[in-house]
Every structure is written in C-alpha cells, then in structure tokens.
Protein backbone atom coordinates (compact mmCIF):
# COMPACT_ATOMS: atom_id res chain seq x y z
CA MET A 1 -57.77 43.42 -29.08
CA ASN A 2 -54.08 44.32 -28.79
CA LYS A 3 -53.29 47.93 -28.11
CA THR A 4 -51.51 50.26 -30.48
CA ILE A 5 -51.28 50.31 -34.22
CA THR A 6 -47.46 50.13 -34.14
CA LYS A 7 -47.60 46.44 -33.11
CA HIS A 8 -49.21 45.54 -36.47
CA LEU A 9 -48.22 48.20 -38.98
CA ASP A 10 -44.46 48.22 -39.67
CA ILE A 11 -43.43 51.64 -40.89
CA PRO A 12 -39.63 52.05 -40.90
CA ASP A 13 -37.78 55.23 -41.58
CA THR A 14 -37.90 56.52 -45.17
CA SER A 15 -41.51 55.25 -45.59
CA VAL A 16 -44.13 57.11 -47.56
CA VAL A 17 -47.65 55.83 -46.78
CA GLY A 18 -50.67 56.58 -49.02
CA VAL A 19 -53.97 56.22 -47.13
CA VAL A 20 -57.18 55.56 -49.17
CA GLY A 21 -60.69 54.37 -48.62
CA CYS A 22 -63.65 55.25 -46.38
CA GLY A 23 -64.13 55.29 -42.65
CA GLY A 24 -61.66 57.51 -40.85
CA LYS A 25 -58.58 58.20 -42.93
CA THR A 26 -57.72 61.43 -41.19
CA SER A 27 -58.02 60.04 -37.70
CA PHE A 28 -55.92 57.01 -38.77
CA VAL A 29 -53.26 59.27 -40.26
CA GLU A 30 -53.02 61.31 -37.03
CA LEU A 31 -52.92 58.16 -34.91
CA VAL A 32 -50.06 56.70 -36.88
CA ALA A 33 -48.27 60.08 -36.90
CA GLN A 34 -48.51 60.38 -33.05
CA SER A 35 -47.22 56.81 -32.66
CA HIS A 36 -44.03 57.91 -34.50
CA SER A 37 -43.72 61.36 -33.16
CA SER A 38 -40.21 60.79 -31.84
CA ARG A 39 -39.15 60.83 -35.57
CA ARG A 40 -39.55 63.48 -38.30
CA VAL A 41 -43.10 62.89 -39.49
CA LEU A 42 -44.95 64.75 -42.27
CA ILE A 43 -48.71 64.70 -42.89
CA SER A 44 -49.97 65.92 -46.30
CA THR A 45 -52.55 65.19 -48.98
CA THR A 46 -52.61 64.47 -52.67
CA THR A 47 -56.28 65.57 -52.86
CA LYS A 48 -57.99 67.46 -50.00
CA MET A 49 -58.17 66.97 -46.25
CA PHE A 50 -59.38 68.84 -43.17
CA PRO A 51 -56.51 70.35 -41.10
CA PRO A 52 -55.48 68.19 -38.14
CA LYS A 53 -57.12 69.22 -34.90
CA ASP A 54 -54.25 68.03 -32.62
CA PRO A 55 -52.35 71.17 -31.36
CA ARG A 56 -49.14 69.13 -31.27
CA ILE A 57 -49.00 69.08 -35.10
CA THR A 58 -47.28 72.13 -36.63
CA GLN A 59 -49.15 73.26 -39.65
CA TYR A 60 -48.02 75.08 -42.81
CA GLN A 61 -51.05 76.29 -44.81
CA THR A 62 -49.62 78.23 -47.77
CA LEU A 63 -47.27 77.13 -50.49
CA GLN A 64 -44.63 79.61 -49.34
CA GLN A 65 -44.83 78.40 -45.76
CA CYS A 66 -44.30 74.89 -46.93
CA LEU A 67 -41.33 75.89 -49.06
CA ASP A 68 -39.79 77.85 -46.16
CA HIS A 69 -40.24 75.07 -43.60
CA GLU A 70 -37.50 73.47 -41.49
CA SER A 71 -38.01 69.84 -40.71
CA GLN A 72 -37.66 68.78 -37.13
CA THR A 73 -38.52 65.96 -34.77
CA GLY A 74 -42.29 65.70 -34.33
CA ILE A 75 -45.21 66.06 -36.69
CA GLN A 76 -45.64 68.71 -39.35
CA CYS A 77 -48.54 69.11 -41.80
CA PHE A 78 -48.35 70.58 -45.35
CA GLY A 79 -51.21 71.89 -47.57
CA VAL A 80 -52.72 74.94 -49.07
CA LEU A 81 -55.68 76.13 -47.06
CA ASN A 82 -58.88 76.87 -49.01
CA THR A 83 -60.62 79.37 -46.75
CA GLU A 84 -64.00 78.72 -48.41
CA THR A 85 -64.05 75.00 -47.77
CA GLY A 86 -61.80 74.93 -44.69
CA LYS A 87 -59.75 72.13 -46.26
CA LEU A 88 -56.12 71.77 -47.00
CA GLU A 89 -55.53 71.15 -50.73
CA ALA A 90 -52.56 69.37 -52.26
CA LEU A 91 -49.22 70.97 -53.03
CA PRO A 92 -47.93 70.58 -56.59
CA GLN A 93 -46.81 66.92 -56.94
CA GLU A 94 -43.25 67.90 -57.85
CA THR A 95 -43.04 70.28 -54.84
CA LEU A 96 -44.37 67.60 -52.47
CA HIS A 97 -41.98 65.02 -53.80
CA SER A 98 -39.01 67.33 -53.27
CA LEU A 99 -39.97 68.12 -49.71
CA ILE A 100 -40.59 64.67 -48.36
CA ALA A 101 -36.81 63.87 -48.41
CA ASP A 102 -36.53 65.96 -45.21
CA TYR A 103 -38.71 63.44 -43.26
CA ASP A 104 -38.42 60.01 -41.85
CA ILE A 105 -42.12 59.08 -42.32
CA VAL A 106 -44.60 60.69 -44.69
CA LEU A 107 -48.37 60.05 -44.38
CA LEU A 108 -50.48 61.08 -47.37
CA GLU A 109 -54.18 61.23 -47.33
CA ALA A 110 -54.55 60.08 -50.97
CA ASP A 111 -58.35 59.74 -51.32
CA GLY A 112 -61.55 61.53 -50.39
CA SER A 113 -64.90 60.07 -49.32
CA ARG A 114 -66.71 63.11 -47.85
CA GLY A 115 -67.32 61.10 -44.69
CA LEU A 116 -69.36 58.41 -46.52
CA PRO A 117 -68.82 54.66 -45.95
CA CYS A 118 -68.63 53.63 -49.66
CA LYS A 119 -67.17 55.08 -52.85
CA GLY A 120 -66.68 54.38 -56.48
CA TRP A 121 -63.40 55.67 -57.99
CA ARG A 122 -62.93 57.80 -61.08
CA GLN A 123 -60.12 56.93 -63.48
CA ASN A 124 -57.59 59.23 -61.75
CA GLU A 125 -58.54 58.10 -58.19
CA PRO A 126 -57.10 57.33 -55.72
CA VAL A 127 -54.21 59.74 -56.13
CA ILE A 128 -51.33 57.53 -54.84
CA PRO A 129 -47.80 58.71 -55.83
CA LYS A 130 -45.63 56.03 -57.40
CA TYR A 131 -42.96 56.65 -54.73
CA CYS A 132 -45.20 55.40 -51.88
CA THR A 133 -43.77 52.44 -50.05
CA HIS A 134 -47.12 51.45 -48.45
CA THR A 135 -50.79 51.78 -49.41
CA VAL A 136 -53.28 51.49 -46.56
CA GLY A 137 -56.93 51.11 -47.35
CA ILE A 138 -59.41 52.03 -44.69
CA LEU A 139 -62.87 50.34 -44.59
CA THR A 140 -65.88 50.53 -42.30
CA MET A 141 -68.63 47.94 -41.94
CA LYS A 142 -71.25 50.61 -41.25
CA ALA A 143 -72.67 50.49 -44.76
CA LEU A 144 -73.74 46.81 -44.47
CA GLY A 145 -77.48 46.52 -44.92
CA LYS A 146 -77.84 50.08 -46.25
CA ALA A 147 -79.16 51.08 -49.62
CA ALA A 148 -76.80 51.97 -52.39
CA THR A 149 -77.81 55.63 -52.70
CA GLU A 150 -75.93 58.95 -52.44
CA THR A 151 -76.70 58.99 -48.74
CA TYR A 152 -74.09 56.23 -48.25
CA VAL A 153 -72.01 56.34 -51.43
CA LEU A 154 -69.68 58.90 -52.99
CA ARG A 155 -69.47 58.71 -56.78
CA LEU A 156 -72.66 56.52 -56.97
CA PRO A 157 -72.51 55.95 -60.79
CA GLU A 158 -68.92 54.59 -60.50
CA PHE A 159 -69.85 52.56 -57.42
CA LEU A 160 -72.82 50.95 -59.21
CA SER A 161 -70.72 50.18 -62.28
CA LEU A 162 -67.96 48.72 -60.05
CA THR A 163 -70.16 46.49 -57.88
CA GLY A 164 -72.88 45.63 -60.38
CA LEU A 165 -75.59 46.90 -57.98
CA HIS A 166 -78.55 49.04 -59.01
CA GLU A 167 -79.41 52.21 -57.15
CA GLY A 168 -81.29 51.33 -53.94
CA ASP A 169 -79.97 47.77 -53.71
CA THR A 170 -78.67 46.51 -50.41
CA ILE A 171 -74.94 46.84 -49.68
CA THR A 172 -73.67 43.38 -48.65
CA GLN A 173 -70.34 41.88 -47.62
CA GLN A 174 -69.88 40.81 -51.25
CA THR A 175 -70.43 44.48 -52.29
CA LEU A 176 -67.74 45.62 -49.92
CA GLU A 177 -65.36 42.85 -51.10
CA THR A 178 -65.80 43.97 -54.64
CA MET A 179 -65.31 47.66 -53.66
CA VAL A 180 -62.03 46.79 -52.03
CA CYS A 181 -60.58 44.05 -54.21
CA ALA A 182 -61.87 44.56 -57.76
CA PRO A 183 -59.28 45.75 -60.28
CA GLN A 184 -60.94 49.14 -60.43
CA GLY A 185 -61.59 49.28 -56.66
CA MET A 186 -59.96 50.79 -53.66
CA PHE A 187 -56.41 49.53 -54.40
CA LYS A 188 -56.43 50.01 -58.13
CA ASN A 189 -53.60 52.56 -57.99
CA GLY A 190 -51.95 50.94 -54.87
CA VAL A 191 -48.16 50.69 -54.72
CA GLY A 192 -45.74 49.19 -52.22
CA GLN A 193 -46.91 46.99 -49.41
CA LEU A 194 -50.75 46.81 -49.20
CA TYR A 195 -52.65 46.87 -45.97
CA LEU A 196 -56.41 46.57 -45.46
CA ILE A 197 -57.75 47.96 -42.19
CA ILE A 198 -61.27 47.84 -40.93
CA ASN A 199 -61.85 50.84 -38.61
CA GLN A 200 -64.65 51.79 -36.25
CA VAL A 201 -64.75 48.30 -34.67
CA GLU A 202 -65.76 49.09 -31.15
CA ASP A 203 -68.05 46.22 -30.03
CA GLU A 204 -67.96 42.38 -30.13
CA ALA A 205 -70.55 42.03 -32.87
CA THR A 206 -68.67 44.29 -35.25
CA ALA A 207 -65.37 42.59 -34.39
CA GLU A 208 -66.82 39.17 -35.28
CA LEU A 209 -68.20 40.62 -38.54
CA ALA A 210 -64.86 42.27 -39.40
CA GLN A 211 -62.84 39.17 -38.57
CA GLY A 212 -64.96 36.99 -40.77
CA PHE A 213 -64.84 39.47 -43.64
CA LEU A 214 -61.10 39.71 -43.49
CA GLN A 215 -60.63 35.98 -43.18
CA ASN A 216 -62.58 35.58 -46.39
CA ILE A 217 -60.35 38.18 -48.05
CA LYS A 218 -57.30 36.37 -46.88
CA GLU A 219 -58.52 33.10 -48.41
CA ARG A 220 -59.80 34.53 -51.70
CA TYR A 221 -56.84 36.81 -52.31
CA PRO A 222 -53.82 35.04 -50.99
CA GLY A 223 -50.65 37.15 -50.96
CA LYS A 224 -52.34 40.37 -51.99
CA PHE A 225 -52.08 42.12 -48.65
CA GLU A 226 -49.15 42.45 -46.31
CA GLY A 227 -51.47 42.91 -43.46
CA LEU A 228 -55.19 42.59 -42.54
CA LEU A 229 -56.31 44.41 -39.37
CA TYR A 230 -59.42 45.41 -37.61
CA GLY A 231 -59.96 47.76 -34.70
CA SER A 232 -60.55 51.41 -33.71
CA THR A 233 -58.57 54.55 -34.11
CA PHE A 234 -60.58 55.99 -31.23
CA LEU A 235 -59.39 53.24 -28.84
CA ASP A 236 -56.14 52.45 -30.66
CA ALA A 237 -56.97 48.80 -30.20
CA TRP A 238 -56.27 46.43 -33.13
CA GLU A 239 -56.26 42.69 -33.96
CA VAL A 240 -54.77 40.81 -36.85
CA ALA A 241 -57.23 38.77 -38.92
C-alpha cells in the first residue's frame, strides 16, 4: 500500500471535513490533522469525542477558552470537557461556525459509535453541518461474520430496521453495504465530496476483502464517492480501490 493519507485525500485550504462511521474516527482525524500541521488546523466535534492524546495538539476545554483562543499554525482542538465522561462535547453550533473561519482546515468528528464496528442512525444523526466541504465515512471489516447484537452494534433497533436483519443474524458484506449506502445509512446527511475509507486493514487477507468490497461499491454506486480507500491509520498506509 502507498504511504500517507495525503496522497489520496485532497483537502485544500478552507476545507471543513465531517468524519462519520465506525472503526477509528478519532485516530483518522488526528492522522489527517498531523499531515497538515504546517497549516492552521482545528479539530472539534458536533457530538462527543475523547480528547486527543497527542501532546502536539493544543486543547481548549471550556467554552470561554474556545472563545478566547488565538488561531496559529499547528493543530488546536475545541470542545467542552465533561469531567464525568472524560469526553469533549460539542460547542453551540453557531459558536463553532463562527470560529472555524480562523482556520485553514477543520476536522469535525460528526458521529459516535462507542467503539463498536456497526451502527444504526437516528433521525438527527450523523450531525454533519451543512457548511462541510467533505464527508468522510470510516468503516471496518471486523464485524463480518459476527452476530447482529448490542455487542457489535450501536443503536441496534435502528440498525435492524436499516439492514432488514433480525437480532442475532450474521453480519455480511451485504449488511455493511446497506449500512453505508442505504438512503438512511452512514451518508444520509453527507454534504460536499464523499469519501468512503475502510480502516484497520493491516494484513493481506483483510486488504483483499476490503478491495473487493469497495470495488463492488464502485460498480453499484457509480459517481457517488469522490474516493474509495482502504488502509490503516496505525501504519498510515493506504490504497485506492
């Protein structure tokens, strides 16, 4: 696989990227942010996210800190820390919208999955602002062959309704395709250029599976996605399907 995400994901200045899905959104956001750290980069959320662990990211964890910030070259992160959950919660939408003008690239974690590989979406999810220029959906193949239960699925009733499965049925490639591409699926609120990225691909068997899955998506949904990639945020190694 070719190294670095920047070879395959074109994010020019004045971009706002909403990241949705399951399978490593936070690590993906941090990877993309670091790849553009010579610019003014902002990380934030429209829902909830764990604070970045990278010490190179300057964090603002109260509303007042965010309002008083000064943008600068490098990576900054905005959110309101909930000390009980340890997560950063979203700023008011109007506040966030007003602050992003100070940055070249904004990366928004716009969905939650609680670390599970599958999800069904409520009516107001994912929370993707209309001003986003890109929507990136993250997918993992780790749910294949697993049972459709709360062990692997967030919002199980919505997921079953979306995919047509019954609780306990096996999650297949067709299930994942529906989860991603159905009108009420992962990209139902997507705006701007759409990218589908399969993450956590770190061996040849998974790479072959991911490539076949994305090739099928490409053939069945021509023109839907600006890019279809698979690879690993851990390795920062990626390939175009």
